[in-house]
Amino acid sequence: MAGFDATESLTPFRDDRGNGYGAILFDATRLRQADADWFVPAYWGEQARPVDSGGRG
């Protein structure tokens, strides 16, 4: 079992429809707060860059 690193933080998350639940795990030394909107492609607009692979699963 992996331990929880003191530099890691969890942001609770629930979608707009009230479905699902969970948390976004992020490195608190790199950013102050994670935002669920980062996972919505439209959020990034012109800054979005396609990738060949990666993501969940």
N, C-alpha and C. Protein backbone atom coordinates (compact mmCIF):
# COMPACT_ATOMS: atom_id res chain seq x y z
N MET A 1 0.84 -1.18 0.00
CA MET A 1 0.00 0.00 0.00
C MET A 1 0.89 1.24 0.00
N ALA A 2 0.58 2.18 -0.87
CA ALA A 2 1.36 3.41 -0.96
C ALA A 2 0.93 4.38 0.14
N GLY A 3 1.89 5.08 0.67
CA GLY A 3 1.59 6.08 1.68
C GLY A 3 1.20 7.40 1.06
N PHE A 4 0.61 8.26 1.84
CA PHE A 4 0.22 9.60 1.38
C PHE A 4 1.37 10.54 1.63
N ASP A 5 1.85 11.18 0.58
CA ASP A 5 2.96 12.12 0.67
C ASP A 5 2.44 13.47 1.16
N ALA A 6 3.17 14.12 2.06
CA ALA A 6 2.73 15.40 2.61
C ALA A 6 2.62 16.49 1.55
N THR A 7 3.27 16.32 0.40
CA THR A 7 3.17 17.33 -0.67
C THR A 7 1.97 17.09 -1.57
N GLU A 8 1.24 16.00 -1.35
CA GLU A 8 0.06 15.71 -2.16
C GLU A 8 -1.18 16.31 -1.50
N SER A 9 -2.11 16.73 -2.31
CA SER A 9 -3.38 17.27 -1.81
C SER A 9 -4.52 16.64 -2.59
N LEU A 10 -5.68 16.59 -1.97
CA LEU A 10 -6.87 16.06 -2.61
C LEU A 10 -7.93 17.16 -2.69
N THR A 11 -8.53 17.31 -3.86
CA THR A 11 -9.66 18.22 -4.04
C THR A 11 -10.90 17.37 -4.26
N PRO A 12 -11.89 17.41 -3.35
CA PRO A 12 -13.11 16.64 -3.56
C PRO A 12 -13.79 17.08 -4.86
N PHE A 13 -14.42 16.14 -5.55
CA PHE A 13 -15.05 16.45 -6.83
C PHE A 13 -16.37 15.72 -6.97
N ARG A 14 -17.38 16.43 -7.48
CA ARG A 14 -18.68 15.85 -7.82
C ARG A 14 -19.15 16.61 -9.06
N ASP A 15 -19.63 15.90 -10.07
CA ASP A 15 -20.01 16.58 -11.31
C ASP A 15 -21.30 17.39 -11.16
N ASP A 16 -21.59 18.24 -12.17
CA ASP A 16 -22.73 19.15 -12.11
C ASP A 16 -24.08 18.45 -11.99
N ARG A 17 -24.16 17.23 -12.47
CA ARG A 17 -25.41 16.48 -12.42
C ARG A 17 -25.61 15.80 -11.07
N GLY A 18 -24.62 15.90 -10.20
CA GLY A 18 -24.71 15.23 -8.91
C GLY A 18 -24.34 13.76 -8.99
N ASN A 19 -23.84 13.34 -10.14
CA ASN A 19 -23.41 11.96 -10.33
C ASN A 19 -21.92 11.84 -10.05
N GLY A 20 -21.54 10.69 -9.65
CA GLY A 20 -20.11 10.44 -9.45
C GLY A 20 -19.58 11.17 -8.23
N TYR A 21 -18.45 10.73 -7.81
CA TYR A 21 -17.77 11.35 -6.69
C TYR A 21 -16.32 10.92 -6.74
N GLY A 22 -15.50 11.62 -6.07
CA GLY A 22 -14.09 11.27 -6.06
C GLY A 22 -13.26 12.46 -5.66
N ALA A 23 -12.02 12.45 -6.09
CA ALA A 23 -11.11 13.53 -5.75
C ALA A 23 -10.04 13.64 -6.82
N ILE A 24 -9.49 14.82 -6.95
CA ILE A 24 -8.37 15.07 -7.84
C ILE A 24 -7.12 15.11 -6.97
N LEU A 25 -6.18 14.24 -7.25
CA LEU A 25 -4.92 14.20 -6.51
C LEU A 25 -3.91 15.05 -7.26
N PHE A 26 -3.25 15.97 -6.56
CA PHE A 26 -2.27 16.83 -7.21
C PHE A 26 -1.12 17.15 -6.28
N ASP A 27 -0.05 17.63 -6.86
CA ASP A 27 1.17 17.97 -6.13
C ASP A 27 1.05 19.41 -5.63
N ALA A 28 0.90 19.59 -4.34
CA ALA A 28 0.71 20.91 -3.75
C ALA A 28 1.94 21.80 -3.85
N THR A 29 3.10 21.23 -4.17
CA THR A 29 4.28 22.06 -4.36
C THR A 29 4.28 22.72 -5.74
N ARG A 30 3.43 22.22 -6.65
CA ARG A 30 3.38 22.77 -8.02
C ARG A 30 2.19 23.69 -8.25
N LEU A 31 1.10 23.48 -7.53
CA LEU A 31 -0.06 24.36 -7.67
C LEU A 31 -0.84 24.37 -6.37
N ARG A 32 -1.57 25.46 -6.18
CA ARG A 32 -2.28 25.65 -4.92
C ARG A 32 -3.58 24.86 -4.85
N GLN A 33 -4.31 24.80 -5.96
CA GLN A 33 -5.61 24.14 -5.97
C GLN A 33 -5.89 23.56 -7.35
N ALA A 34 -6.40 22.35 -7.39
CA ALA A 34 -6.81 21.72 -8.65
C ALA A 34 -8.22 22.18 -8.99
N ASP A 35 -8.54 22.17 -10.28
CA ASP A 35 -9.85 22.61 -10.75
C ASP A 35 -10.42 21.55 -11.68
N ALA A 36 -11.61 21.07 -11.39
CA ALA A 36 -12.23 20.02 -12.21
C ALA A 36 -12.44 20.47 -13.65
N ASP A 37 -12.57 21.76 -13.90
CA ASP A 37 -12.75 22.26 -15.27
C ASP A 37 -11.56 21.95 -16.16
N TRP A 38 -10.41 21.69 -15.59
CA TRP A 38 -9.22 21.35 -16.40
C TRP A 38 -9.45 20.10 -17.23
N PHE A 39 -10.41 19.27 -16.84
CA PHE A 39 -10.69 18.03 -17.56
C PHE A 39 -11.75 18.20 -18.64
N VAL A 40 -12.22 19.42 -18.83
CA VAL A 40 -13.18 19.74 -19.88
C VAL A 40 -12.41 20.39 -21.03
N PRO A 41 -12.35 19.75 -22.21
CA PRO A 41 -11.54 20.28 -23.31
C PRO A 41 -11.84 21.74 -23.65
N ALA A 42 -13.10 22.16 -23.60
CA ALA A 42 -13.45 23.53 -23.96
C ALA A 42 -12.82 24.56 -23.02
N TYR A 43 -12.49 24.17 -21.81
CA TYR A 43 -11.87 25.08 -20.84
C TYR A 43 -10.58 25.68 -21.39
N TRP A 44 -9.84 24.88 -22.13
CA TRP A 44 -8.52 25.30 -22.61
C TRP A 44 -8.57 26.13 -23.89
N GLY A 45 -9.67 26.06 -24.63
CA GLY A 45 -9.84 26.87 -25.83
C GLY A 45 -8.64 26.77 -26.77
N GLU A 46 -8.08 27.92 -27.15
CA GLU A 46 -6.96 27.98 -28.09
C GLU A 46 -5.66 27.42 -27.51
N GLN A 47 -5.58 27.29 -26.20
CA GLN A 47 -4.37 26.75 -25.56
C GLN A 47 -4.30 25.23 -25.66
N ALA A 48 -5.39 24.58 -26.04
CA ALA A 48 -5.44 23.12 -26.10
C ALA A 48 -4.47 22.59 -27.15
N ARG A 49 -3.83 21.48 -26.83
CA ARG A 49 -2.91 20.81 -27.75
C ARG A 49 -3.26 19.33 -27.79
N PRO A 50 -3.46 18.78 -29.00
CA PRO A 50 -3.76 17.34 -29.08
C PRO A 50 -2.57 16.49 -28.66
N VAL A 51 -2.85 15.32 -28.12
CA VAL A 51 -1.80 14.38 -27.73
C VAL A 51 -2.07 13.04 -28.41
N ASP A 52 -1.02 12.26 -28.58
CA ASP A 52 -1.15 10.96 -29.24
C ASP A 52 -1.71 9.88 -28.32
N SER A 53 -1.38 9.97 -27.03
CA SER A 53 -1.83 8.95 -26.09
C SER A 53 -1.82 9.53 -24.69
N GLY A 54 -2.36 8.76 -23.77
CA GLY A 54 -2.38 9.18 -22.38
C GLY A 54 -3.79 9.28 -21.86
N GLY A 55 -3.93 9.78 -20.67
CA GLY A 55 -5.25 9.91 -20.07
C GLY A 55 -5.58 8.72 -19.20
N ARG A 56 -6.84 8.62 -18.84
CA ARG A 56 -7.29 7.55 -17.96
C ARG A 56 -7.37 6.23 -18.70
N GLY A 57 -7.13 5.17 -17.97
CA GLY A 57 -7.32 3.83 -18.50
C GLY A 57 -6.21 3.33 -19.22
